[in-house]
Structure formats: C-alpha cells, structure tokens
PDB file of N, CA and C in Angstrom:
ATOM      1  N   MET A   1     -21.989 -39.113  17.333  1.00  0.00           N
ATOM      2  CA  MET A   1     -22.219 -37.920  18.123  1.00  0.00           C
ATOM      3  C   MET A   1     -21.722 -36.713  17.336  1.00  0.00           C
ATOM      4  N   ASP A   2     -22.544 -35.713  17.217  1.00  0.00           N
ATOM      5  CA  ASP A   2     -22.209 -34.528  16.435  1.00  0.00           C
ATOM      6  C   ASP A   2     -21.628 -33.449  17.339  1.00  0.00           C
ATOM      7  N   LEU A   3     -20.386 -33.084  17.095  1.00  0.00           N
ATOM      8  CA  LEU A   3     -19.714 -32.073  17.910  1.00  0.00           C
ATOM      9  C   LEU A   3     -19.675 -30.709  17.237  1.00  0.00           C
ATOM     10  N   SER A   4     -20.405 -30.539  16.154  1.00  0.00           N
ATOM     11  CA  SER A   4     -20.319 -29.300  15.382  1.00  0.00           C
ATOM     12  C   SER A   4     -20.972 -28.108  16.073  1.00  0.00           C
ATOM     13  N   TRP A   5     -21.767 -28.350  17.095  1.00  0.00           N
ATOM     14  CA  TRP A   5     -22.461 -27.252  17.770  1.00  0.00           C
ATOM     15  C   TRP A   5     -21.477 -26.273  18.407  1.00  0.00           C
ATOM     16  N   MET A   6     -20.257 -26.719  18.677  1.00  0.00           N
ATOM     17  CA  MET A   6     -19.276 -25.834  19.295  1.00  0.00           C
ATOM     18  C   MET A   6     -17.944 -25.900  18.552  1.00  0.00           C
ATOM     19  N   ALA A   7     -17.978 -26.455  17.367  1.00  0.00           N
ATOM     20  CA  ALA A   7     -16.774 -26.599  16.542  1.00  0.00           C
ATOM     21  C   ALA A   7     -15.675 -27.368  17.274  1.00  0.00           C
ATOM     22  N   TRP A   8     -16.073 -28.361  18.067  1.00  0.00           N
ATOM     23  CA  TRP A   8     -15.118 -29.198  18.766  1.00  0.00           C
ATOM     24  C   TRP A   8     -14.623 -30.292  17.841  1.00  0.00           C
ATOM     25  N   THR A   9     -13.439 -30.762  18.146  1.00  0.00           N
ATOM     26  CA  THR A   9     -12.917 -31.939  17.473  1.00  0.00           C
ATOM     27  C   THR A   9     -12.967 -33.087  18.482  1.00  0.00           C
ATOM     28  N   TRP A  10     -12.834 -34.300  17.988  1.00  0.00           N
ATOM     29  CA  TRP A  10     -12.837 -35.437  18.905  1.00  0.00           C
ATOM     30  C   TRP A  10     -11.692 -35.381  19.912  1.00  0.00           C
ATOM     31  N   PRO A  11     -10.473 -35.016  19.513  1.00  0.00           N
ATOM     32  CA  PRO A  11      -9.411 -34.923  20.524  1.00  0.00           C
ATOM     33  C   PRO A  11      -9.733 -33.910  21.631  1.00  0.00           C
ATOM     34  N   THR A  12     -10.372 -32.797  21.276  1.00  0.00           N
ATOM     35  CA  THR A  12     -10.743 -31.815  22.297  1.00  0.00           C
ATOM     36  C   THR A  12     -11.796 -32.393  23.231  1.00  0.00           C
ATOM     37  N   ALA A  13     -12.778 -33.056  22.679  1.00  0.00           N
ATOM     38  CA  ALA A  13     -13.827 -33.668  23.501  1.00  0.00           C
ATOM     39  C   ALA A  13     -13.246 -34.736  24.418  1.00  0.00           C
ATOM     40  N   ILE A  14     -12.353 -35.554  23.897  1.00  0.00           N
ATOM     41  CA  ILE A  14     -11.716 -36.595  24.706  1.00  0.00           C
ATOM     42  C   ILE A  14     -10.911 -35.967  25.838  1.00  0.00           C
ATOM     43  N   PHE A  15     -10.215 -34.877  25.550  1.00  0.00           N
ATOM     44  CA  PHE A  15      -9.446 -34.174  26.574  1.00  0.00           C
ATOM     45  C   PHE A  15     -10.341 -33.778  27.747  1.00  0.00           C
ATOM     46  N   PHE A  16     -11.463 -33.138  27.458  1.00  0.00           N
ATOM     47  CA  PHE A  16     -12.343 -32.690  28.530  1.00  0.00           C
ATOM     48  C   PHE A  16     -13.040 -33.849  29.234  1.00  0.00           C
ATOM     49  N   ILE A  17     -13.327 -34.915  28.518  1.00  0.00           N
ATOM     50  CA  ILE A  17     -13.909 -36.101  29.143  1.00  0.00           C
ATOM     51  C   ILE A  17     -12.909 -36.722  30.117  1.00  0.00           C
ATOM     52  N   VAL A  18     -11.645 -36.805  29.712  1.00  0.00           N
ATOM     53  CA  VAL A  18     -10.611 -37.362  30.591  1.00  0.00           C
ATOM     54  C   VAL A  18     -10.452 -36.498  31.840  1.00  0.00           C
ATOM     55  N   ILE A  19     -10.446 -35.179  31.696  1.00  0.00           N
ATOM     56  CA  ILE A  19     -10.331 -34.293  32.862  1.00  0.00           C
ATOM     57  C   ILE A  19     -11.515 -34.514  33.798  1.00  0.00           C
ATOM     58  N   ALA A  20     -12.721 -34.601  33.252  1.00  0.00           N
ATOM     59  CA  ALA A  20     -13.911 -34.829  34.077  1.00  0.00           C
ATOM     60  C   ALA A  20     -13.826 -36.174  34.798  1.00  0.00           C
ATOM     61  N   LEU A  21     -13.386 -37.209  34.094  1.00  0.00           N
ATOM     62  CA  LEU A  21     -13.250 -38.528  34.719  1.00  0.00           C
ATOM     63  C   LEU A  21     -12.183 -38.526  35.820  1.00  0.00           C
ATOM     64  N   LEU A  22     -11.096 -37.800  35.601  1.00  0.00           N
ATOM     65  CA  LEU A  22     -10.071 -37.677  36.638  1.00  0.00           C
ATOM     66  C   LEU A  22     -10.633 -37.007  37.892  1.00  0.00           C
ATOM     67  N   LEU A  23     -11.392 -35.938  37.708  1.00  0.00           N
ATOM     68  CA  LEU A  23     -11.974 -35.237  38.847  1.00  0.00           C
ATOM     69  C   LEU A  23     -12.952 -36.130  39.613  1.00  0.00           C
ATOM     70  N   VAL A  24     -13.776 -36.870  38.891  1.00  0.00           N
ATOM     71  CA  VAL A  24     -14.723 -37.787  39.543  1.00  0.00           C
ATOM     72  C   VAL A  24     -13.960 -38.886  40.277  1.00  0.00           C
ATOM     73  N   THR A  25     -12.954 -39.460  39.627  1.00  0.00           N
ATOM     74  CA  THR A  25     -12.168 -40.523  40.243  1.00  0.00           C
ATOM     75  C   THR A  25     -11.481 -40.046  41.510  1.00  0.00           C
ATOM     76  N   PHE A  26     -10.865 -38.866  41.451  1.00  0.00           N
ATOM     77  CA  PHE A  26     -10.156 -38.358  42.621  1.00  0.00           C
ATOM     78  C   PHE A  26     -11.113 -37.963  43.735  1.00  0.00           C
ATOM     79  N   THR A  27     -12.322 -37.551  43.397  1.00  0.00           N
ATOM     80  CA  THR A  27     -13.333 -37.265  44.413  1.00  0.00           C
ATOM     81  C   THR A  27     -13.746 -38.549  45.121  1.00  0.00           C
ATOM     82  N   ILE A  28     -13.977 -39.593  44.354  1.00  0.00           N
ATOM     83  CA  ILE A  28     -14.340 -40.882  44.945  1.00  0.00           C
ATOM     84  C   ILE A  28     -13.204 -41.411  45.816  1.00  0.00           C
ATOM     85  N   LEU A  29     -11.971 -41.300  45.347  1.00  0.00           N
ATOM     86  CA  LEU A  29     -10.822 -41.739  46.145  1.00  0.00           C
ATOM     87  C   LEU A  29     -10.718 -40.958  47.450  1.00  0.00           C
ATOM     88  N   ALA A  30     -10.974 -39.657  47.390  1.00  0.00           N
ATOM     89  CA  ALA A  30     -10.885 -38.832  48.593  1.00  0.00           C
ATOM     90  C   ALA A  30     -11.951 -39.216  49.609  1.00  0.00           C
ATOM     91  N   ILE A  31     -13.115 -39.614  49.116  1.00  0.00           N
ATOM     92  CA  ILE A  31     -14.194 -40.014  50.026  1.00  0.00           C
ATOM     93  C   ILE A  31     -13.933 -41.404  50.607  1.00  0.00           C
ATOM     94  N   ARG A  32     -13.557 -42.331  49.761  1.00  0.00           N
ATOM     95  CA  ARG A  32     -13.365 -43.719  50.217  1.00  0.00           C
ATOM     96  C   ARG A  32     -12.067 -43.944  50.959  1.00  0.00           C
ATOM     97  N   PHE A  33     -11.005 -43.255  50.541  1.00  0.00           N
ATOM     98  CA  PHE A  33      -9.689 -43.452  51.151  1.00  0.00           C
ATOM     99  C   PHE A  33      -9.074 -42.103  51.521  1.00  0.00           C
ATOM    100  N   PRO A  34      -9.536 -41.491  52.607  1.00  0.00           N
ATOM    101  CA  PRO A  34      -8.969 -40.196  52.993  1.00  0.00           C
ATOM    102  C   PRO A  34      -7.468 -40.338  53.252  1.00  0.00           C
ATOM    103  N   GLU A  35      -6.742 -39.295  52.947  1.00  0.00           N
ATOM    104  CA  GLU A  35      -5.304 -39.361  53.158  1.00  0.00           C
ATOM    105  C   GLU A  35      -4.838 -38.149  53.938  1.00  0.00           C
ATOM    106  N   THR A  36      -3.704 -38.304  54.565  1.00  0.00           N
ATOM    107  CA  THR A  36      -3.083 -37.175  55.233  1.00  0.00           C
ATOM    108  C   THR A  36      -2.076 -36.575  54.262  1.00  0.00           C
ATOM    109  N   PRO A  37      -1.917 -35.270  54.271  1.00  0.00           N
ATOM    110  CA  PRO A  37      -0.948 -34.652  53.360  1.00  0.00           C
ATOM    111  C   PRO A  37       0.465 -35.179  53.620  1.00  0.00           C
ATOM    112  N   ARG A  38       1.260 -35.217  52.572  1.00  0.00           N
ATOM    113  CA  ARG A  38       2.653 -35.643  52.718  1.00  0.00           C
ATOM    114  C   ARG A  38       3.568 -34.569  52.163  1.00  0.00           C
ATOM    115  N   THR A  39       4.793 -34.581  52.620  1.00  0.00           N
ATOM    116  CA  THR A  39       5.784 -33.602  52.191  1.00  0.00           C
ATOM    117  C   THR A  39       6.773 -34.296  51.252  1.00  0.00           C
ATOM    118  N   GLY A  40       6.935 -33.727  50.053  1.00  0.00           N
ATOM    119  CA  GLY A  40       7.844 -34.308  49.069  1.00  0.00           C
ATOM    120  C   GLY A  40       9.038 -33.405  48.822  1.00  0.00           C
ATOM    121  N   ILE A  41       9.571 -33.470  47.610  1.00  0.00           N
ATOM    122  CA  ILE A  41      10.785 -32.722  47.294  1.00  0.00           C
ATOM    123  C   ILE A  41      10.558 -31.214  47.232  1.00  0.00           C
ATOM    124  N   LEU A  42       9.293 -30.781  47.080  1.00  0.00           N
ATOM    125  CA  LEU A  42       9.020 -29.342  47.086  1.00  0.00           C
ATOM    126  C   LEU A  42       8.938 -28.772  48.483  1.00  0.00           C
ATOM    127  N   ARG A  43       8.968 -29.636  49.483  1.00  0.00           N
ATOM    128  CA  ARG A  43       8.893 -29.251  50.895  1.00  0.00           C
ATOM    129  C   ARG A  43       7.592 -28.538  51.247  1.00  0.00           C
ATOM    130  N   ILE A  44       6.507 -28.901  50.544  1.00  0.00           N
ATOM    131  CA  ILE A  44       5.178 -28.426  50.896  1.00  0.00           C
ATOM    132  C   ILE A  44       4.288 -29.650  51.056  1.00  0.00           C
ATOM    133  N   GLU A  45       3.268 -29.518  51.896  1.00  0.00           N
ATOM    134  CA  GLU A  45       2.342 -30.624  52.072  1.00  0.00           C
ATOM    135  C   GLU A  45       1.401 -30.689  50.869  1.00  0.00           C
ATOM    136  N   THR A  46       1.277 -31.877  50.302  1.00  0.00           N
ATOM    137  CA  THR A  46       0.385 -32.053  49.160  1.00  0.00           C
ATOM    138  C   THR A  46      -0.493 -33.280  49.371  1.00  0.00           C
ATOM    139  N   THR A  47      -1.676 -33.218  48.790  1.00  0.00           N
ATOM    140  CA  THR A  47      -2.575 -34.361  48.755  1.00  0.00           C
ATOM    141  C   THR A  47      -2.661 -34.846  47.312  1.00  0.00           C
ATOM    142  N   ARG A  48      -3.450 -35.897  47.093  1.00  0.00           N
ATOM    143  CA  ARG A  48      -3.622 -36.389  45.718  1.00  0.00           C
ATOM    144  C   ARG A  48      -4.147 -35.303  44.795  1.00  0.00           C
ATOM    145  N   GLY A  49      -5.113 -34.530  45.280  1.00  0.00           N
ATOM    146  CA  GLY A  49      -5.687 -33.462  44.464  1.00  0.00           C
ATOM    147  C   GLY A  49      -4.668 -32.396  44.116  1.00  0.00           C
ATOM    148  N   ASP A  50      -3.813 -32.055  45.071  1.00  0.00           N
ATOM    149  CA  ASP A  50      -2.748 -31.074  44.803  1.00  0.00           C
ATOM    150  C   ASP A  50      -1.797 -31.591  43.736  1.00  0.00           C
ATOM    151  N   ARG A  51      -1.438 -32.857  43.854  1.00  0.00           N
ATOM    152  CA  ARG A  51      -0.522 -33.446  42.874  1.00  0.00           C
ATOM    153  C   ARG A  51      -1.172 -33.549  41.497  1.00  0.00           C
ATOM    154  N   LEU A  52      -2.478 -33.805  41.455  1.00  0.00           N
ATOM    155  CA  LEU A  52      -3.184 -33.810  40.176  1.00  0.00           C
ATOM    156  C   LEU A  52      -3.145 -32.426  39.548  1.00  0.00           C
ATOM    157  N   PHE A  53      -3.401 -31.391  40.348  1.00  0.00           N
ATOM    158  CA  PHE A  53      -3.362 -30.021  39.837  1.00  0.00           C
ATOM    159  C   PHE A  53      -1.969 -29.674  39.314  1.00  0.00           C
ATOM    160  N   ILE A  54      -0.939 -30.006  40.066  1.00  0.00           N
ATOM    161  CA  ILE A  54       0.441 -29.743  39.632  1.00  0.00           C
ATOM    162  C   ILE A  54       0.734 -30.483  38.327  1.00  0.00           C
ATOM    163  N   THR A  55       0.258 -31.712  38.226  1.00  0.00           N
ATOM    164  CA  THR A  55       0.451 -32.507  37.011  1.00  0.00           C
ATOM    165  C   THR A  55      -0.243 -31.875  35.817  1.00  0.00           C
ATOM    166  N   LEU A  56      -1.507 -31.465  35.986  1.00  0.00           N
ATOM    167  CA  LEU A  56      -2.243 -30.864  34.874  1.00  0.00           C
ATOM    168  C   LEU A  56      -1.615 -29.546  34.438  1.00  0.00           C
ATOM    169  N   LEU A  57      -1.216 -28.734  35.397  1.00  0.00           N
ATOM    170  CA  LEU A  57      -0.589 -27.457  35.071  1.00  0.00           C
ATOM    171  C   LEU A  57       0.750 -27.663  34.350  1.00  0.00           C
ATOM    172  N   GLY A  58       1.564 -28.555  34.876  1.00  0.00           N
ATOM    173  CA  GLY A  58       2.848 -28.843  34.233  1.00  0.00           C
ATOM    174  C   GLY A  58       2.676 -29.449  32.856  1.00  0.00           C
ATOM    175  N   SER A  59       1.676 -30.305  32.690  1.00  0.00           N
ATOM    176  CA  SER A  59       1.424 -30.917  31.390  1.00  0.00           C
ATOM    177  C   SER A  59       1.000 -29.884  30.358  1.00  0.00           C
ATOM    178  N   ALA A  60       0.242 -28.884  30.793  1.00  0.00           N
ATOM    179  CA  ALA A  60      -0.136 -27.809  29.871  1.00  0.00           C
ATOM    180  C   ALA A  60       1.108 -27.073  29.381  1.00  0.00           C
ATOM    181  N   PHE A  61       2.028 -26.777  30.291  1.00  0.00           N
ATOM    182  CA  PHE A  61       3.253 -26.091  29.890  1.00  0.00           C
ATOM    183  C   PHE A  61       4.138 -26.971  29.013  1.00  0.00           C
ATOM    184  N   ILE A  62       4.192 -28.257  29.314  1.00  0.00           N
ATOM    185  CA  ILE A  62       4.968 -29.174  28.477  1.00  0.00           C
ATOM    186  C   ILE A  62       4.417 -29.187  27.053  1.00  0.00           C
ATOM    187  N   ASN A  63       3.098 -29.261  26.915  1.00  0.00           N
ATOM    188  CA  ASN A  63       2.486 -29.281  25.592  1.00  0.00           C
ATOM    189  C   ASN A  63       2.684 -27.971  24.849  1.00  0.00           C
ATOM    190  N   LEU A  64       2.568 -26.852  25.538  1.00  0.00           N
ATOM    191  CA  LEU A  64       2.807 -25.558  24.881  1.00  0.00           C
ATOM    192  C   LEU A  64       4.257 -25.431  24.423  1.00  0.00           C
ATOM    193  N   ALA A  65       5.182 -25.836  25.272  1.00  0.00           N
ATOM    194  CA  ALA A  65       6.598 -25.786  24.894  1.00  0.00           C
ATOM    195  C   ALA A  65       6.861 -26.735  23.725  1.00  0.00           C
ATOM    196  N   TRP A  66       6.230 -27.893  23.748  1.00  0.00           N
ATOM    197  CA  TRP A  66       6.406 -28.862  22.665  1.00  0.00           C
ATOM    198  C   TRP A  66       5.952 -28.264  21.337  1.00  0.00           C
ATOM    199  N   LEU A  67       4.779 -27.624  21.357  1.00  0.00           N
ATOM    200  CA  LEU A  67       4.262 -27.005  20.135  1.00  0.00           C
ATOM    201  C   LEU A  67       5.168 -25.890  19.636  1.00  0.00           C
ATOM    202  N   GLY A  68       5.655 -25.065  20.563  1.00  0.00           N
ATOM    203  CA  GLY A  68       6.437 -23.902  20.164  1.00  0.00           C
ATOM    204  C   GLY A  68       7.881 -24.196  19.830  1.00  0.00           C
ATOM    205  N   LEU A  69       8.474 -25.184  20.483  1.00  0.00           N
ATOM    206  CA  LEU A  69       9.908 -25.396  20.327  1.00  0.00           C
ATOM    207  C   LEU A  69      10.265 -26.618  19.481  1.00  0.00           C
ATOM    208  N   ILE A  70       9.501 -27.670  19.595  1.00  0.00           N
ATOM    209  CA  ILE A  70       9.887 -28.915  18.946  1.00  0.00           C
ATOM    210  C   ILE A  70       9.100 -29.146  17.665  1.00  0.00           C
ATOM    211  N   GLY A  71       7.791 -29.043  17.743  1.00  0.00           N
ATOM    212  CA  GLY A  71       6.960 -29.198  16.551  1.00  0.00           C
ATOM    213  C   GLY A  71       6.798 -30.621  16.059  1.00  0.00           C
ATOM    214  N   ALA A  72       7.381 -31.583  16.749  1.00  0.00           N
ATOM    215  CA  ALA A  72       7.197 -32.989  16.383  1.00  0.00           C
ATOM    216  C   ALA A  72       5.760 -33.393  16.713  1.00  0.00           C
ATOM    217  N   PRO A  73       5.338 -34.572  16.284  1.00  0.00           N
ATOM    218  CA  PRO A  73       3.965 -34.997  16.608  1.00  0.00           C
ATOM    219  C   PRO A  73       3.665 -34.880  18.104  1.00  0.00           C
ATOM    220  N   GLN A  74       2.472 -34.398  18.383  1.00  0.00           N
ATOM    221  CA  GLN A  74       2.078 -34.109  19.764  1.00  0.00           C
ATOM    222  C   GLN A  74       1.964 -35.363  20.621  1.00  0.00           C
ATOM    223  N   TRP A  75       1.866 -36.531  20.002  1.00  0.00           N
ATOM    224  CA  TRP A  75       1.775 -37.763  20.780  1.00  0.00           C
ATOM    225  C   TRP A  75       3.005 -37.973  21.649  1.00  0.00           C
ATOM    226  N   TRP A  76       4.152 -37.501  21.187  1.00  0.00           N
ATOM    227  CA  TRP A  76       5.375 -37.647  21.988  1.00  0.00           C
ATOM    228  C   TRP A  76       5.321 -36.759  23.224  1.00  0.00           C
ATOM    229  N   ALA A  77       4.648 -35.628  23.115  1.00  0.00           N
ATOM    230  CA  ALA A  77       4.463 -34.774  24.288  1.00  0.00           C
ATOM    231  C   ALA A  77       3.611 -35.487  25.332  1.00  0.00           C
ATOM    232  N   LEU A  78       2.648 -36.291  24.881  1.00  0.00           N
ATOM    233  CA  LEU A  78       1.836 -37.068  25.807  1.00  0.00           C
ATOM    234  C   LEU A  78       2.703 -38.050  26.593  1.00  0.00           C
ATOM    235  N   VAL A  79       3.662 -38.671  25.925  1.00  0.00           N
ATOM    236  CA  VAL A  79       4.581 -39.595  26.603  1.00  0.00           C
ATOM    237  C   VAL A  79       5.373 -38.842  27.666  1.00  0.00           C
ATOM    238  N   VAL A  80       5.877 -37.658  27.325  1.00  0.00           N
ATOM    239  CA  VAL A  80       6.627 -36.846  28.282  1.00  0.00           C
ATOM    240  C   VAL A  80       5.728 -36.472  29.456  1.00  0.00           C
ATOM    241  N   CYS A  81       4.470 -36.119  29.174  1.00  0.00           N
ATOM    242  CA  CYS A  81       3.531 -35.744  30.237  1.00  0.00           C
ATOM    243  C   CYS A  81       3.234 -36.923  31.165  1.00  0.00           C
ATOM    244  N   LEU A  82       3.125 -38.120  30.626  1.00  0.00           N
ATOM    245  CA  LEU A  82       2.880 -39.293  31.466  1.00  0.00           C
ATOM    246  C   LEU A  82       4.067 -39.577  32.382  1.00  0.00           C
ATOM    247  N   ILE A  83       5.273 -39.411  31.859  1.00  0.00           N
ATOM    248  CA  ILE A  83       6.473 -39.581  32.689  1.00  0.00           C
ATOM    249  C   ILE A  83       6.511 -38.501  33.773  1.00  0.00           C
ATOM    250  N   TYR A  84       6.178 -37.264  33.402  1.00  0.00           N
ATOM    251  CA  TYR A  84       6.121 -36.160  34.353  1.00  0.00           C
ATOM    252  C   TYR A  84       5.074 -36.443  35.438  1.00  0.00           C
ATOM    253  N   ALA A  85       3.900 -36.940  35.040  1.00  0.00           N
ATOM    254  CA  ALA A  85       2.841 -37.246  36.001  1.00  0.00           C
ATOM    255  C   ALA A  85       3.291 -38.318  36.989  1.00  0.00           C
ATOM    256  N   ALA A  86       3.942 -39.348  36.494  1.00  0.00           N
ATOM    257  CA  ALA A  86       4.443 -40.398  37.379  1.00  0.00           C
ATOM    258  C   ALA A  86       5.445 -39.844  38.375  1.00  0.00           C
ATOM    259  N   ALA A  87       6.319 -38.952  37.914  1.00  0.00           N
ATOM    260  CA  ALA A  87       7.304 -38.341  38.806  1.00  0.00           C
ATOM    261  C   ALA A  87       6.634 -37.447  39.853  1.00  0.00           C
ATOM    262  N   VAL A  88       5.641 -36.671  39.443  1.00  0.00           N
ATOM    263  CA  VAL A  88       4.949 -35.795  40.396  1.00  0.00           C
ATOM    264  C   VAL A  88       4.245 -36.629  41.458  1.00  0.00           C
ATOM    265  N   PHE A  89       3.529 -37.666  41.060  1.00  0.00           N
ATOM    266  CA  PHE A  89       2.805 -38.457  42.040  1.00  0.00           C
ATOM    267  C   PHE A  89       3.733 -39.277  42.927  1.00  0.00           C
ATOM    268  N   ARG A  90       4.919 -39.544  42.465  1.00  0.00           N
ATOM    269  CA  ARG A  90       5.868 -40.309  43.269  1.00  0.00           C
ATOM    270  C   ARG A  90       6.673 -39.422  44.214  1.00  0.00           C
ATOM    271  N   TYR A  91       7.139 -38.255  43.745  1.00  0.00           N
ATOM    272  CA  TYR A  91       8.112 -37.494  44.512  1.00  0.00           C
ATOM    273  C   TYR A  91       7.609 -36.185  45.103  1.00  0.00           C
ATOM    274  N   VAL A  92       6.488 -35.673  44.662  1.00  0.00           N
ATOM    275  CA  VAL A  92       6.032 -34.365  45.158  1.00  0.00           C
ATOM    276  C   VAL A  92       5.116 -34.561  46.347  1.00  0.00           C
TER     277      VAL A  92
END
C-alpha cells in the first residue's frame, strides 16, 4: 500500500486505523450492551465513550510530555499510556 499521497508513515496510518477501530468497537458495544453512567474518582458520571475520550486525551499529553522531557524511545510511552488507560477504565 502506497502512503506517499499524503506523506504518511506506517506508524501514522496505524495510529488512525486503531482510533477508527476503537470508535467502531465502542459504537457496537454501546448498541449491543447499553450501559448506565457510573461515578468514579472524578465524581462525574462517565460512560465507556467518555472514558475512551479521557484516555485518548491523556495519552496525547503523555506522549507529548515524553517527547519533550524524556526523549527515550516512544515505545515506553505506549506502555505508560496502556497503564493509564487501564486505570481510567477501572477508576474513572
């Protein structure tokens, strides 16, 4: 597959594919298994979609901070983001 039409790299394409798959998955989950909002440590009602948004937003900040402050390989930031995502979905 040629990604040169937009000067994309494979990691960038994979990133957007994963985001699209997450959105489709969460849409299917919302249709098949409706949920009632729950209140976590932030003391606000959140649904799966809200927690996904919080996770994506926080992961963006984690990656930016990683690039600016640490400079180590970005794969380690992914590990931190996965731990953060697990915490958000469990406690928020």
